């Protein structure tokens, strides 16, 4: 993930479902509805033309005390890759 910047895919439709702690994201280019849990929602919000390592570090800081830092960094990186694969985020070299 070094030198990778993430951004939200243009044209998405989103709807928060706060009672369920979820964000619903519709990807019209690849028609599908995605349910993001709180972690995914947080990473999605952080991904506004942002550096991947900074996003992972902010996520690790947010879950400090609940998840060991190395595990949190690994979770964030994996989730970012998953969101790119699903078409929710875009990744580009910095």
PDB file of N, CA and C in Angstrom:
ATOM      1  N   UNK A   1       0.807  -1.193   0.000  1.00  0.00           N
ATOM      2  CA  UNK A   1       0.000   0.000   0.000  1.00  0.00           C
ATOM      3  C   UNK A   1       0.857   1.266   0.000  1.00  0.00           C
ATOM      4  N   UNK A   2       2.160   1.165  -0.093  1.00  0.00           N
ATOM      5  CA  UNK A   2       2.953   2.390  -0.114  1.00  0.00           C
ATOM      6  C   UNK A   2       2.628   3.220  -1.349  1.00  0.00           C
ATOM      7  N   UNK A   3       2.532   4.524  -1.136  1.00  0.00           N
ATOM      8  CA  UNK A   3       2.285   5.479  -2.218  1.00  0.00           C
ATOM      9  C   UNK A   3       0.995   5.216  -2.977  1.00  0.00           C
ATOM     10  N   UNK A   4      -0.032   4.752  -2.287  1.00  0.00           N
ATOM     11  CA  UNK A   4      -1.346   4.555  -2.899  1.00  0.00           C
ATOM     12  C   UNK A   4      -2.298   5.569  -2.282  1.00  0.00           C
ATOM     13  N   UNK A   5      -3.074   6.214  -3.140  1.00  0.00           N
ATOM     14  CA  UNK A   5      -4.086   7.153  -2.679  1.00  0.00           C
ATOM     15  C   UNK A   5      -5.455   6.560  -3.000  1.00  0.00           C
ATOM     16  N   UNK A   6      -6.370   6.735  -2.078  1.00  0.00           N
ATOM     17  CA  UNK A   6      -7.722   6.207  -2.222  1.00  0.00           C
ATOM     18  C   UNK A   6      -8.718   7.352  -2.339  1.00  0.00           C
ATOM     19  N   UNK A   7      -9.733   7.121  -3.139  1.00  0.00           N
ATOM     20  CA  UNK A   7     -10.830   8.078  -3.247  1.00  0.00           C
ATOM     21  C   UNK A   7     -12.125   7.310  -3.480  1.00  0.00           C
ATOM     22  N   UNK A   8     -13.214   7.952  -3.133  1.00  0.00           N
ATOM     23  CA  UNK A   8     -14.520   7.347  -3.335  1.00  0.00           C
ATOM     24  C   UNK A   8     -14.835   7.340  -4.827  1.00  0.00           C
ATOM     25  N   UNK A   9     -15.390   6.276  -5.299  1.00  0.00           N
ATOM     26  CA  UNK A   9     -15.757   6.158  -6.698  1.00  0.00           C
ATOM     27  C   UNK A   9     -16.863   7.176  -7.009  1.00  0.00           C
ATOM     28  N   UNK A  10     -16.693   7.966  -8.067  1.00  0.00           N
ATOM     29  CA  UNK A  10     -17.737   8.939  -8.418  1.00  0.00           C
ATOM     30  C   UNK A  10     -19.060   8.252  -8.770  1.00  0.00           C
ATOM     31  N   UNK A  11     -20.153   8.928  -8.467  1.00  0.00           N
ATOM     32  CA  UNK A  11     -21.473   8.448  -8.845  1.00  0.00           C
ATOM     33  C   UNK A  11     -22.121   7.486  -7.869  1.00  0.00           C
ATOM     34  N   UNK A  12     -21.470   7.207  -6.745  1.00  0.00           N
ATOM     35  CA  UNK A  12     -22.062   6.299  -5.768  1.00  0.00           C
ATOM     36  C   UNK A  12     -23.296   6.920  -5.144  1.00  0.00           C
ATOM     37  N   UNK A  13     -24.199   6.068  -4.734  1.00  0.00           N
ATOM     38  CA  UNK A  13     -25.350   6.511  -3.944  1.00  0.00           C
ATOM     39  C   UNK A  13     -25.188   5.892  -2.562  1.00  0.00           C
ATOM     40  N   UNK A  14     -25.266   6.722  -1.542  1.00  0.00           N
ATOM     41  CA  UNK A  14     -25.065   6.231  -0.177  1.00  0.00           C
ATOM     42  C   UNK A  14     -26.254   6.606   0.700  1.00  0.00           C
ATOM     43  N   UNK A  15     -26.469   5.749   1.687  1.00  0.00           N
ATOM     44  CA  UNK A  15     -27.508   6.019   2.677  1.00  0.00           C
ATOM     45  C   UNK A  15     -27.057   5.440   4.009  1.00  0.00           C
ATOM     46  N   UNK A  16     -26.874   6.304   5.008  1.00  0.00           N
ATOM     47  CA  UNK A  16     -26.529   5.789   6.329  1.00  0.00           C
ATOM     48  C   UNK A  16     -27.734   5.128   6.995  1.00  0.00           C
ATOM     49  N   UNK A  17     -27.462   4.037   7.695  1.00  0.00           N
ATOM     50  CA  UNK A  17     -28.478   3.365   8.507  1.00  0.00           C
ATOM     51  C   UNK A  17     -27.893   3.335   9.917  1.00  0.00           C
ATOM     52  N   UNK A  18     -28.021   4.472  10.580  1.00  0.00           N
ATOM     53  CA  UNK A  18     -27.365   4.644  11.874  1.00  0.00           C
ATOM     54  C   UNK A  18     -27.844   3.637  12.909  1.00  0.00           C
ATOM     55  N   UNK A  19     -29.111   3.287  12.888  1.00  0.00           N
ATOM     56  CA  UNK A  19     -29.630   2.325  13.861  1.00  0.00           C
ATOM     57  C   UNK A  19     -28.938   0.975  13.734  1.00  0.00           C
ATOM     58  N   UNK A  20     -28.483   0.652  12.527  1.00  0.00           N
ATOM     59  CA  UNK A  20     -27.795  -0.617  12.288  1.00  0.00           C
ATOM     60  C   UNK A  20     -26.278  -0.434  12.265  1.00  0.00           C
ATOM     61  N   UNK A  21     -25.808   0.799  12.417  1.00  0.00           N
ATOM     62  CA  UNK A  21     -24.374   1.050  12.363  1.00  0.00           C
ATOM     63  C   UNK A  21     -23.782   0.688  11.013  1.00  0.00           C
ATOM     64  N   UNK A  22     -24.520   1.027   9.946  1.00  0.00           N
ATOM     65  CA  UNK A  22     -24.110   0.634   8.600  1.00  0.00           C
ATOM     66  C   UNK A  22     -24.271   1.778   7.616  1.00  0.00           C
ATOM     67  N   UNK A  23     -23.532   1.679   6.530  1.00  0.00           N
ATOM     68  CA  UNK A  23     -23.701   2.575   5.399  1.00  0.00           C
ATOM     69  C   UNK A  23     -24.029   1.704   4.196  1.00  0.00           C
ATOM     70  N   UNK A  24     -25.129   2.029   3.520  1.00  0.00           N
ATOM     71  CA  UNK A  24     -25.492   1.326   2.294  1.00  0.00           C
ATOM     72  C   UNK A  24     -24.884   2.107   1.141  1.00  0.00           C
ATOM     73  N   UNK A  25     -24.179   1.407   0.269  1.00  0.00           N
ATOM     74  CA  UNK A  25     -23.545   2.035  -0.892  1.00  0.00           C
ATOM     75  C   UNK A  25     -23.999   1.288  -2.138  1.00  0.00           C
ATOM     76  N   UNK A  26     -24.544   2.052  -3.085  1.00  0.00           N
ATOM     77  CA  UNK A  26     -24.932   1.482  -4.370  1.00  0.00           C
ATOM     78  C   UNK A  26     -23.907   1.903  -5.407  1.00  0.00           C
ATOM     79  N   UNK A  27     -23.358   0.924  -6.137  1.00  0.00           N
ATOM     80  CA  UNK A  27     -22.381   1.184  -7.191  1.00  0.00           C
ATOM     81  C   UNK A  27     -23.082   1.041  -8.543  1.00  0.00           C
ATOM     82  N   UNK A  28     -23.464   2.168  -9.172  1.00  0.00           N
ATOM     83  CA  UNK A  28     -24.215   2.082 -10.425  1.00  0.00           C
ATOM     84  C   UNK A  28     -23.399   1.541 -11.603  1.00  0.00           C
ATOM     85  N   UNK A  29     -22.073   1.760 -11.621  1.00  0.00           N
ATOM     86  CA  UNK A  29     -21.260   1.242 -12.723  1.00  0.00           C
ATOM     87  C   UNK A  29     -21.223  -0.282 -12.729  1.00  0.00           C
ATOM     88  N   UNK A  30     -21.238  -0.854 -11.553  1.00  0.00           N
ATOM     89  CA  UNK A  30     -21.309  -2.310 -11.376  1.00  0.00           C
ATOM     90  C   UNK A  30     -22.487  -2.534 -10.447  1.00  0.00           C
ATOM     91  N   UNK A  31     -23.703  -2.532 -10.981  1.00  0.00           N
ATOM     92  CA  UNK A  31     -24.909  -2.482 -10.160  1.00  0.00           C
ATOM     93  C   UNK A  31     -24.931  -3.504  -9.014  1.00  0.00           C
ATOM     94  N   UNK A  32     -24.806  -2.947  -7.827  1.00  0.00           N
ATOM     95  CA  UNK A  32     -24.844  -3.775  -6.631  1.00  0.00           C
ATOM     96  C   UNK A  32     -25.000  -2.872  -5.417  1.00  0.00           C
ATOM     97  N   UNK A  33     -25.640  -3.412  -4.388  1.00  0.00           N
ATOM     98  CA  UNK A  33     -25.770  -2.719  -3.109  1.00  0.00           C
ATOM     99  C   UNK A  33     -24.785  -3.351  -2.134  1.00  0.00           C
ATOM    100  N   UNK A  34     -24.017  -2.510  -1.459  1.00  0.00           N
ATOM    101  CA  UNK A  34     -23.016  -2.972  -0.499  1.00  0.00           C
ATOM    102  C   UNK A  34     -23.371  -2.414   0.882  1.00  0.00           C
ATOM    103  N   UNK A  35     -23.316  -3.274   1.871  1.00  0.00           N
ATOM    104  CA  UNK A  35     -23.543  -2.861   3.260  1.00  0.00           C
ATOM    105  C   UNK A  35     -22.181  -2.765   3.932  1.00  0.00           C
ATOM    106  N   UNK A  36     -21.809  -1.568   4.366  1.00  0.00           N
ATOM    107  CA  UNK A  36     -20.547  -1.384   5.074  1.00  0.00           C
ATOM    108  C   UNK A  36     -20.822  -1.306   6.569  1.00  0.00           C
ATOM    109  N   UNK A  37     -20.057  -2.073   7.337  1.00  0.00           N
ATOM    110  CA  UNK A  37     -20.180  -1.974   8.789  1.00  0.00           C
ATOM    111  C   UNK A  37     -19.501  -0.676   9.244  1.00  0.00           C
ATOM    112  N   UNK A  38     -19.461  -0.442  10.545  1.00  0.00           N
ATOM    113  CA  UNK A  38     -18.881   0.808  11.047  1.00  0.00           C
ATOM    114  C   UNK A  38     -17.429   0.991  10.611  1.00  0.00           C
ATOM    115  N   UNK A  39     -16.665  -0.078  10.609  1.00  0.00           N
ATOM    116  CA  UNK A  39     -15.262   0.023  10.185  1.00  0.00           C
ATOM    117  C   UNK A  39     -15.170   0.424   8.719  1.00  0.00           C
ATOM    118  N   UNK A  40     -15.936  -0.242   7.884  1.00  0.00           N
ATOM    119  CA  UNK A  40     -15.936   0.085   6.465  1.00  0.00           C
ATOM    120  C   UNK A  40     -16.426   1.497   6.208  1.00  0.00           C
ATOM    121  N   UNK A  41     -17.445   1.889   6.950  1.00  0.00           N
ATOM    122  CA  UNK A  41     -18.005   3.232   6.816  1.00  0.00           C
ATOM    123  C   UNK A  41     -16.948   4.263   7.167  1.00  0.00           C
ATOM    124  N   UNK A  42     -16.238   4.057   8.265  1.00  0.00           N
ATOM    125  CA  UNK A  42     -15.190   4.979   8.698  1.00  0.00           C
ATOM    126  C   UNK A  42     -14.080   5.065   7.642  1.00  0.00           C
ATOM    127  N   UNK A  43     -13.630   3.927   7.141  1.00  0.00           N
ATOM    128  CA  UNK A  43     -12.588   3.924   6.114  1.00  0.00           C
ATOM    129  C   UNK A  43     -13.081   4.598   4.834  1.00  0.00           C
ATOM    130  N   UNK A  44     -14.340   4.378   4.470  1.00  0.00           N
ATOM    131  CA  UNK A  44     -14.936   5.028   3.309  1.00  0.00           C
ATOM    132  C   UNK A  44     -14.883   6.546   3.474  1.00  0.00           C
ATOM    133  N   UNK A  45     -15.255   7.031   4.645  1.00  0.00           N
ATOM    134  CA  UNK A  45     -15.261   8.476   4.897  1.00  0.00           C
ATOM    135  C   UNK A  45     -13.850   9.068   4.873  1.00  0.00           C
ATOM    136  N   UNK A  46     -12.869   8.295   5.311  1.00  0.00           N
ATOM    137  CA  UNK A  46     -11.483   8.774   5.305  1.00  0.00           C
ATOM    138  C   UNK A  46     -10.887   8.810   3.896  1.00  0.00           C
ATOM    139  N   UNK A  47     -11.501   8.109   2.967  1.00  0.00           N
ATOM    140  CA  UNK A  47     -10.938   7.934   1.617  1.00  0.00           C
ATOM    141  C   UNK A  47     -11.412   9.025   0.662  1.00  0.00           C
ATOM    142  N   UNK A  48     -10.905  10.204   0.881  1.00  0.00           N
ATOM    143  CA  UNK A  48     -11.219  11.332  -0.001  1.00  0.00           C
ATOM    144  C   UNK A  48      -9.907  11.884  -0.529  1.00  0.00           C
ATOM    145  N   UNK A  49      -9.350  11.183  -1.524  1.00  0.00           N
ATOM    146  CA  UNK A  49      -8.032  11.472  -2.084  1.00  0.00           C
ATOM    147  C   UNK A  49      -7.000  11.475  -0.959  1.00  0.00           C
ATOM    148  N   UNK A  50      -6.952  10.362  -0.241  1.00  0.00           N
ATOM    149  CA  UNK A  50      -6.087  10.261   0.929  1.00  0.00           C
ATOM    150  C   UNK A  50      -5.070   9.136   0.762  1.00  0.00           C
ATOM    151  N   UNK A  51      -3.931   9.320   1.379  1.00  0.00           N
ATOM    152  CA  UNK A  51      -2.853   8.345   1.386  1.00  0.00           C
ATOM    153  C   UNK A  51      -3.267   7.110   2.188  1.00  0.00           C
ATOM    154  N   UNK A  52      -3.030   5.943   1.622  1.00  0.00           N
ATOM    155  CA  UNK A  52      -3.433   4.688   2.252  1.00  0.00           C
ATOM    156  C   UNK A  52      -2.829   4.463   3.619  1.00  0.00           C
ATOM    157  N   UNK A  53      -1.587   4.816   3.801  1.00  0.00           N
ATOM    158  CA  UNK A  53      -0.951   4.616   5.110  1.00  0.00           C
ATOM    159  C   UNK A  53      -1.531   5.563   6.157  1.00  0.00           C
ATOM    160  N   UNK A  54      -1.884   6.776   5.734  1.00  0.00           N
ATOM    161  CA  UNK A  54      -2.508   7.719   6.665  1.00  0.00           C
ATOM    162  C   UNK A  54      -3.888   7.211   7.069  1.00  0.00           C
ATOM    163  N   UNK A  55      -4.633   6.680   6.106  1.00  0.00           N
ATOM    164  CA  UNK A  55      -5.962   6.124   6.406  1.00  0.00           C
ATOM    165  C   UNK A  55      -5.830   4.978   7.405  1.00  0.00           C
ATOM    166  N   UNK A  56      -4.900   4.061   7.147  1.00  0.00           N
ATOM    167  CA  UNK A  56      -4.700   2.913   8.040  1.00  0.00           C
ATOM    168  C   UNK A  56      -4.297   3.371   9.435  1.00  0.00           C
ATOM    169  N   UNK A  57      -3.425   4.375   9.512  1.00  0.00           N
ATOM    170  CA  UNK A  57      -2.985   4.879  10.819  1.00  0.00           C
ATOM    171  C   UNK A  57      -4.136   5.533  11.575  1.00  0.00           C
ATOM    172  N   UNK A  58      -4.972   6.296  10.872  1.00  0.00           N
ATOM    173  CA  UNK A  58      -6.122   6.923  11.534  1.00  0.00           C
ATOM    174  C   UNK A  58      -7.105   5.867  12.031  1.00  0.00           C
ATOM    175  N   UNK A  59      -7.297   4.820  11.249  1.00  0.00           N
ATOM    176  CA  UNK A  59      -8.163   3.725  11.675  1.00  0.00           C
ATOM    177  C   UNK A  59      -7.583   3.059  12.925  1.00  0.00           C
ATOM    178  N   UNK A  60      -6.278   2.778  12.900  1.00  0.00           N
ATOM    179  CA  UNK A  60      -5.629   2.140  14.054  1.00  0.00           C
ATOM    180  C   UNK A  60      -5.755   3.008  15.299  1.00  0.00           C
ATOM    181  N   UNK A  61      -5.634   4.319  15.146  1.00  0.00           N
ATOM    182  CA  UNK A  61      -5.796   5.231  16.280  1.00  0.00           C
ATOM    183  C   UNK A  61      -7.229   5.176  16.809  1.00  0.00           C
ATOM    184  N   UNK A  62      -8.191   5.062  15.900  1.00  0.00           N
ATOM    185  CA  UNK A  62      -9.605   5.051  16.300  1.00  0.00           C
ATOM    186  C   UNK A  62      -9.980   3.796  17.079  1.00  0.00           C
ATOM    187  N   UNK A  63      -9.334   2.676  16.781  1.00  0.00           N
ATOM    188  CA  UNK A  63      -9.673   1.425  17.468  1.00  0.00           C
ATOM    189  C   UNK A  63      -8.638   1.047  18.534  1.00  0.00           C
ATOM    190  N   UNK A  64      -7.749   1.982  18.846  1.00  0.00           N
ATOM    191  CA  UNK A  64      -6.726   1.732  19.867  1.00  0.00           C
ATOM    192  C   UNK A  64      -7.395   1.305  21.176  1.00  0.00           C
ATOM    193  N   UNK A  65      -6.820   0.322  21.812  1.00  0.00           N
ATOM    194  CA  UNK A  65      -7.378  -0.198  23.052  1.00  0.00           C
ATOM    195  C   UNK A  65      -8.339  -1.360  22.820  1.00  0.00           C
ATOM    196  N   UNK A  66      -8.845  -1.468  21.614  1.00  0.00           N
ATOM    197  CA  UNK A  66      -9.750  -2.565  21.282  1.00  0.00           C
ATOM    198  C   UNK A  66      -9.054  -3.618  20.426  1.00  0.00           C
ATOM    199  N   UNK A  67      -8.131  -3.156  19.574  1.00  0.00           N
ATOM    200  CA  UNK A  67      -7.427  -4.033  18.640  1.00  0.00           C
ATOM    201  C   UNK A  67      -5.945  -3.638  18.663  1.00  0.00           C
ATOM    202  N   UNK A  68      -5.041  -4.604  18.753  1.00  0.00           N
ATOM    203  CA  UNK A  68      -3.619  -4.262  18.694  1.00  0.00           C
ATOM    204  C   UNK A  68      -3.311  -3.484  17.407  1.00  0.00           C
ATOM    205  N   UNK A  69      -2.397  -2.511  17.499  1.00  0.00           N
ATOM    206  CA  UNK A  69      -2.122  -1.604  16.377  1.00  0.00           C
ATOM    207  C   UNK A  69      -1.769  -2.347  15.083  1.00  0.00           C
ATOM    208  N   UNK A  70      -0.884  -3.340  15.155  1.00  0.00           N
ATOM    209  CA  UNK A  70      -0.505  -4.064  13.934  1.00  0.00           C
ATOM    210  C   UNK A  70      -1.709  -4.764  13.310  1.00  0.00           C
ATOM    211  N   UNK A  71      -2.566  -5.334  14.140  1.00  0.00           N
ATOM    212  CA  UNK A  71      -3.777  -5.984  13.632  1.00  0.00           C
ATOM    213  C   UNK A  71      -4.705  -4.956  12.987  1.00  0.00           C
ATOM    214  N   UNK A  72      -4.846  -3.790  13.624  1.00  0.00           N
ATOM    215  CA  UNK A  72      -5.714  -2.743  13.096  1.00  0.00           C
ATOM    216  C   UNK A  72      -5.197  -2.233  11.749  1.00  0.00           C
ATOM    217  N   UNK A  73      -3.893  -2.048  11.630  1.00  0.00           N
ATOM    218  CA  UNK A  73      -3.313  -1.604  10.359  1.00  0.00           C
ATOM    219  C   UNK A  73      -3.581  -2.633   9.267  1.00  0.00           C
ATOM    220  N   UNK A  74      -3.406  -3.903   9.611  1.00  0.00           N
ATOM    221  CA  UNK A  74      -3.643  -4.981   8.658  1.00  0.00           C
ATOM    222  C   UNK A  74      -5.116  -5.045   8.255  1.00  0.00           C
ATOM    223  N   UNK A  75      -6.014  -4.883   9.222  1.00  0.00           N
ATOM    224  CA  UNK A  75      -7.453  -4.875   8.931  1.00  0.00           C
ATOM    225  C   UNK A  75      -7.805  -3.736   7.978  1.00  0.00           C
ATOM    226  N   UNK A  76      -7.272  -2.555   8.258  1.00  0.00           N
ATOM    227  CA  UNK A  76      -7.573  -1.393   7.416  1.00  0.00           C
ATOM    228  C   UNK A  76      -7.091  -1.619   5.986  1.00  0.00           C
ATOM    229  N   UNK A  77      -5.895  -2.109   5.833  1.00  0.00           N
ATOM    230  CA  UNK A  77      -5.346  -2.361   4.491  1.00  0.00           C
ATOM    231  C   UNK A  77      -6.202  -3.377   3.732  1.00  0.00           C
ATOM    232  N   UNK A  78      -6.603  -4.434   4.425  1.00  0.00           N
ATOM    233  CA  UNK A  78      -7.422  -5.474   3.789  1.00  0.00           C
ATOM    234  C   UNK A  78      -8.796  -4.917   3.414  1.00  0.00           C
ATOM    235  N   UNK A  79      -9.380  -4.125   4.292  1.00  0.00           N
ATOM    236  CA  UNK A  79     -10.702  -3.568   4.013  1.00  0.00           C
ATOM    237  C   UNK A  79     -10.632  -2.585   2.847  1.00  0.00           C
ATOM    238  N   UNK A  80      -9.587  -1.761   2.794  1.00  0.00           N
ATOM    239  CA  UNK A  80      -9.427  -0.828   1.671  1.00  0.00           C
ATOM    240  C   UNK A  80      -9.333  -1.600   0.350  1.00  0.00           C
ATOM    241  N   UNK A  81      -8.547  -2.662   0.352  1.00  0.00           N
ATOM    242  CA  UNK A  81      -8.417  -3.478  -0.868  1.00  0.00           C
ATOM    243  C   UNK A  81      -9.763  -4.079  -1.263  1.00  0.00           C
ATOM    244  N   UNK A  82     -10.533  -4.525  -0.281  1.00  0.00           N
ATOM    245  CA  UNK A  82     -11.858  -5.089  -0.549  1.00  0.00           C
ATOM    246  C   UNK A  82     -12.796  -4.042  -1.140  1.00  0.00           C
ATOM    247  N   UNK A  83     -12.762  -2.827  -0.603  1.00  0.00           N
ATOM    248  CA  UNK A  83     -13.620  -1.764  -1.111  1.00  0.00           C
ATOM    249  C   UNK A  83     -13.246  -1.379  -2.542  1.00  0.00           C
ATOM    250  N   UNK A  84     -11.965  -1.446  -2.867  1.00  0.00           N
ATOM    251  CA  UNK A  84     -11.525  -1.199  -4.246  1.00  0.00           C
ATOM    252  C   UNK A  84     -12.045  -2.313  -5.151  1.00  0.00           C
ATOM    253  N   UNK A  85     -11.897  -3.553  -4.704  1.00  0.00           N
ATOM    254  CA  UNK A  85     -12.353  -4.696  -5.498  1.00  0.00           C
ATOM    255  C   UNK A  85     -13.849  -4.621  -5.778  1.00  0.00           C
ATOM    256  N   UNK A  86     -14.620  -4.121  -4.815  1.00  0.00           N
ATOM    257  CA  UNK A  86     -16.073  -4.020  -4.979  1.00  0.00           C
ATOM    258  C   UNK A  86     -16.505  -2.788  -5.767  1.00  0.00           C
ATOM    259  N   UNK A  87     -15.564  -1.904  -6.074  1.00  0.00           N
ATOM    260  CA  UNK A  87     -15.890  -0.719  -6.853  1.00  0.00           C
ATOM    261  C   UNK A  87     -16.381   0.449  -6.026  1.00  0.00           C
ATOM    262  N   UNK A  88     -16.258   0.364  -4.710  1.00  0.00           N
ATOM    263  CA  UNK A  88     -16.686   1.443  -3.820  1.00  0.00           C
ATOM    264  C   UNK A  88     -15.617   2.531  -3.745  1.00  0.00           C
ATOM    265  N   UNK A  89     -14.348   2.112  -3.763  1.00  0.00           N
ATOM    266  CA  UNK A  89     -13.214   3.047  -3.751  1.00  0.00           C
ATOM    267  C   UNK A  89     -12.378   2.846  -4.999  1.00  0.00           C
ATOM    268  N   UNK A  90     -11.613   3.861  -5.311  1.00  0.00           N
ATOM    269  CA  UNK A  90     -10.613   3.785  -6.368  1.00  0.00           C
ATOM    270  C   UNK A  90      -9.247   3.969  -5.733  1.00  0.00           C
ATOM    271  N   UNK A  91      -8.264   3.264  -6.266  1.00  0.00           N
ATOM    272  CA  UNK A  91      -6.892   3.392  -5.792  1.00  0.00           C
ATOM    273  C   UNK A  91      -6.016   3.817  -6.963  1.00  0.00           C
ATOM    274  N   UNK A  92      -5.069   4.696  -6.671  1.00  0.00           N
ATOM    275  CA  UNK A  92      -4.111   5.111  -7.704  1.00  0.00           C
ATOM    276  C   UNK A  92      -2.762   5.344  -7.049  1.00  0.00           C
ATOM    277  N   UNK A  93      -1.722   5.199  -7.842  1.00  0.00           N
ATOM    278  CA  UNK A  93      -0.382   5.460  -7.340  1.00  0.00           C
ATOM    279  C   UNK A  93      -0.220   6.958  -7.114  1.00  0.00           C
ATOM    280  N   UNK A  94       0.450   7.277  -6.019  1.00  0.00           N
ATOM    281  CA  UNK A  94       0.654   8.696  -5.679  1.00  0.00           C
ATOM    282  C   UNK A  94       1.722   9.313  -6.550  1.00  0.00           C
TER     283      UNK A  94
END
